[in-house]
Amino acid sequence: MLLMVAPLSLLAQKVAHYNSQDIVSNYAEFKKVQTELETVGKQYQADLEAMQKELQSKFEKYQAEVTDKTPANIRARKEKELQDLQQRIQQTAQDNEQAFRQEQQKRLQPVLDKVNAAITAVIKAGQYVFAIDKSAAQGMIHINEALSTDITAQVKTQLGIK
């Protein structure tokens, strides 16, 4: 008797799915943070480009000034300056990348926390046992949407997305 009841209880469980990409791409706060991050990224890129132009300029000057007749110690000093600048550029690129990732995390996390809170609220309100993110599970999990409720619109409403 118990074995016959178990499958029926599984059928009674409510399953939901949502599309987090659709949610965040329409969320004004997310768009604002993306725009801010683009500005930060462009500044980092501009700084690197300025350093690369400086390197290019110094390299061209080196090529114009240094000849076979240039003393070895002067040639070595100028080459060392170029190498040091190249290393500074590489270090700056790494530092900028790390700083950008940290800035991205700092700015995006509160927005993603709000999205997750809205998803959780809709799941609890709807008494869903499972909720699967279609965009994250793409190709790995196949959802029978006829037997699952799409809660994307409800999450958007919870976040004030029209």
Protein backbone atom coordinates (compact mmCIF):
# COMPACT_ATOMS: atom_id res chain seq x y z
CA MET A 1 0.00 0.00 0.00
CA LEU A 2 2.81 2.40 0.90
CA LEU A 3 4.50 1.81 -2.45
CA MET A 4 1.36 2.87 -4.27
CA VAL A 5 1.06 6.12 -2.26
CA ALA A 6 4.67 7.22 -2.85
CA PRO A 7 4.32 7.74 -6.63
CA LEU A 8 1.10 9.71 -6.09
CA SER A 9 2.87 12.04 -3.64
CA LEU A 10 5.58 12.67 -6.22
CA LEU A 11 2.94 13.71 -8.74
CA ALA A 12 1.48 16.18 -6.26
CA GLN A 13 4.77 18.08 -5.94
CA LYS A 14 4.85 21.37 -7.77
CA VAL A 15 7.79 22.07 -10.05
CA ALA A 16 8.71 25.45 -11.49
CA HIS A 17 11.20 26.86 -13.92
CA TYR A 18 12.42 30.38 -14.67
CA ASN A 19 14.80 32.17 -16.98
CA SER A 20 17.31 34.17 -14.94
CA GLN A 21 18.88 35.70 -18.07
CA ASP A 22 15.51 37.12 -19.07
CA ILE A 23 14.97 38.41 -15.54
CA VAL A 24 18.32 40.16 -15.08
CA SER A 25 18.51 41.50 -18.64
CA ASN A 26 15.22 43.35 -18.00
CA TYR A 27 16.06 44.47 -14.46
CA ALA A 28 16.82 48.20 -14.37
CA GLU A 29 19.25 47.87 -11.45
CA PHE A 30 21.22 45.25 -13.35
CA LYS A 31 21.34 47.44 -16.47
CA LYS A 32 22.56 50.38 -14.37
CA VAL A 33 25.36 48.29 -12.84
CA GLN A 34 26.32 46.97 -16.29
CA THR A 35 26.60 50.55 -17.59
CA GLU A 36 28.71 51.56 -14.58
CA LEU A 37 30.97 48.54 -15.09
CA GLU A 38 31.38 49.36 -18.77
CA THR A 39 32.59 52.83 -17.76
CA VAL A 40 35.07 51.36 -15.28
CA GLY A 41 36.27 48.86 -17.90
CA LYS A 42 36.76 51.62 -20.47
CA GLN A 43 38.86 53.60 -17.99
CA TYR A 44 41.06 50.58 -17.31
CA GLN A 45 41.37 50.02 -21.07
CA ALA A 46 42.26 53.68 -21.68
CA ASP A 47 44.98 53.52 -19.02
CA LEU A 48 46.48 50.44 -20.67
CA GLU A 49 46.30 51.97 -24.13
CA ALA A 50 48.13 55.07 -22.86
CA MET A 51 50.87 52.88 -21.43
CA GLN A 52 51.10 50.91 -24.69
CA LYS A 53 51.39 54.15 -26.67
CA GLU A 54 54.18 55.25 -24.34
CA LEU A 55 55.95 51.93 -24.93
CA GLN A 56 55.50 52.24 -28.68
CA SER A 57 56.84 55.79 -28.64
CA LYS A 58 59.87 54.84 -26.54
CA PHE A 59 60.53 51.83 -28.76
CA GLU A 60 60.42 53.98 -31.89
CA LYS A 61 62.77 56.49 -30.24
CA TYR A 62 65.08 53.62 -29.28
CA GLN A 63 65.13 52.34 -32.85
CA ALA A 64 65.87 55.83 -34.19
CA GLU A 65 68.62 56.64 -31.68
CA VAL A 66 70.36 53.35 -31.06
CA THR A 67 72.77 52.17 -33.74
CA ASP A 68 75.70 49.80 -33.93
CA LYS A 69 77.88 52.69 -32.76
CA THR A 70 75.85 53.23 -29.56
CA PRO A 71 77.88 52.18 -26.50
CA ALA A 72 76.75 48.85 -25.05
CA ASN A 73 75.96 50.26 -21.62
CA ILE A 74 73.61 52.93 -23.08
CA ARG A 75 71.94 50.35 -25.34
CA ALA A 76 71.51 47.97 -22.40
CA ARG A 77 70.03 50.76 -20.23
CA LYS A 78 67.51 51.73 -22.91
CA GLU A 79 66.55 48.09 -23.52
CA LYS A 80 66.12 47.62 -19.76
CA GLU A 81 63.80 50.67 -19.68
CA LEU A 82 61.71 49.14 -22.47
CA GLN A 83 61.57 45.77 -20.73
CA ASP A 84 60.62 47.41 -17.43
CA LEU A 85 57.83 49.36 -19.12
CA GLN A 86 56.58 46.17 -20.82
CA GLN A 87 56.52 44.40 -17.45
CA ARG A 88 54.68 47.35 -15.88
CA ILE A 89 52.08 47.14 -18.65
CA GLN A 90 51.62 43.41 -18.07
CA GLN A 91 51.36 43.92 -14.30
CA THR A 92 48.90 46.78 -14.77
CA ALA A 93 46.78 44.61 -17.07
CA GLN A 94 46.67 41.87 -14.44
CA ASP A 95 45.96 44.35 -11.64
CA ASN A 96 43.21 46.02 -13.67
CA GLU A 97 41.62 42.67 -14.48
CA GLN A 98 41.61 41.68 -10.82
CA ALA A 99 40.31 45.09 -9.74
CA PHE A 100 37.57 44.90 -12.37
CA ARG A 101 36.49 41.45 -11.20
CA GLN A 102 36.36 42.71 -7.61
CA GLU A 103 34.38 45.79 -8.64
CA GLN A 104 32.04 43.60 -10.69
CA GLN A 105 31.48 41.31 -7.71
CA LYS A 106 30.95 44.25 -5.35
CA ARG A 107 28.40 45.96 -7.61
CA LEU A 108 26.59 42.91 -9.00
CA GLN A 109 26.22 40.89 -5.81
CA PRO A 110 23.54 43.11 -4.21
CA VAL A 111 21.53 43.02 -7.45
CA LEU A 112 21.86 39.24 -7.77
CA ASP A 113 20.91 38.89 -4.10
CA LYS A 114 17.68 40.80 -4.81
CA VAL A 115 16.94 38.57 -7.81
CA ASN A 116 17.58 35.44 -5.74
CA ALA A 117 15.39 36.77 -2.93
CA ALA A 118 12.57 37.41 -5.42
CA ILE A 119 12.94 33.91 -6.86
CA THR A 120 12.87 32.42 -3.36
CA ALA A 121 9.80 34.48 -2.43
CA VAL A 122 7.90 33.31 -5.53
CA ILE A 123 8.92 29.69 -4.91
CA LYS A 124 7.73 29.87 -1.30
CA ALA A 125 4.51 31.69 -2.17
CA GLY A 126 3.72 29.16 -4.89
CA GLN A 127 4.73 26.22 -2.68
CA TYR A 128 7.03 24.79 -5.33
CA VAL A 129 9.25 21.91 -4.33
CA PHE A 130 11.75 22.46 -7.14
CA ALA A 131 12.60 25.41 -9.35
CA ILE A 132 15.08 25.15 -12.18
CA ASP A 133 16.83 28.01 -13.96
CA LYS A 134 16.33 27.26 -17.66
CA SER A 135 19.17 29.54 -18.75
CA ALA A 136 21.70 27.96 -16.37
CA ALA A 137 20.59 24.40 -17.07
CA GLN A 138 20.52 24.80 -20.83
CA GLY A 139 21.56 21.55 -22.45
CA MET A 140 22.21 19.79 -19.15
CA ILE A 141 18.69 19.48 -17.80
CA HIS A 142 15.66 19.05 -19.99
CA ILE A 143 12.44 20.49 -18.66
CA ASN A 144 8.99 19.28 -19.59
CA GLU A 145 7.44 22.74 -19.58
CA ALA A 146 3.95 21.25 -19.85
CA LEU A 147 4.36 19.78 -16.35
CA SER A 148 6.31 22.69 -14.88
CA THR A 149 5.16 26.24 -14.14
CA ASP A 150 7.14 29.13 -15.62
CA ILE A 151 7.56 31.63 -12.78
CA THR A 152 9.72 34.12 -14.73
CA ALA A 153 6.88 36.67 -14.99
CA GLN A 154 6.10 36.36 -11.28
CA VAL A 155 9.75 36.97 -10.38
CA LYS A 156 9.82 40.01 -12.67
CA THR A 157 6.69 41.34 -10.97
CA GLN A 158 8.29 40.76 -7.56
CA LEU A 159 11.27 42.89 -8.72
CA GLY A 160 9.07 45.58 -10.23
CA ILE A 161 10.06 44.73 -13.80
CA LYS A 162 7.37 45.60 -16.32
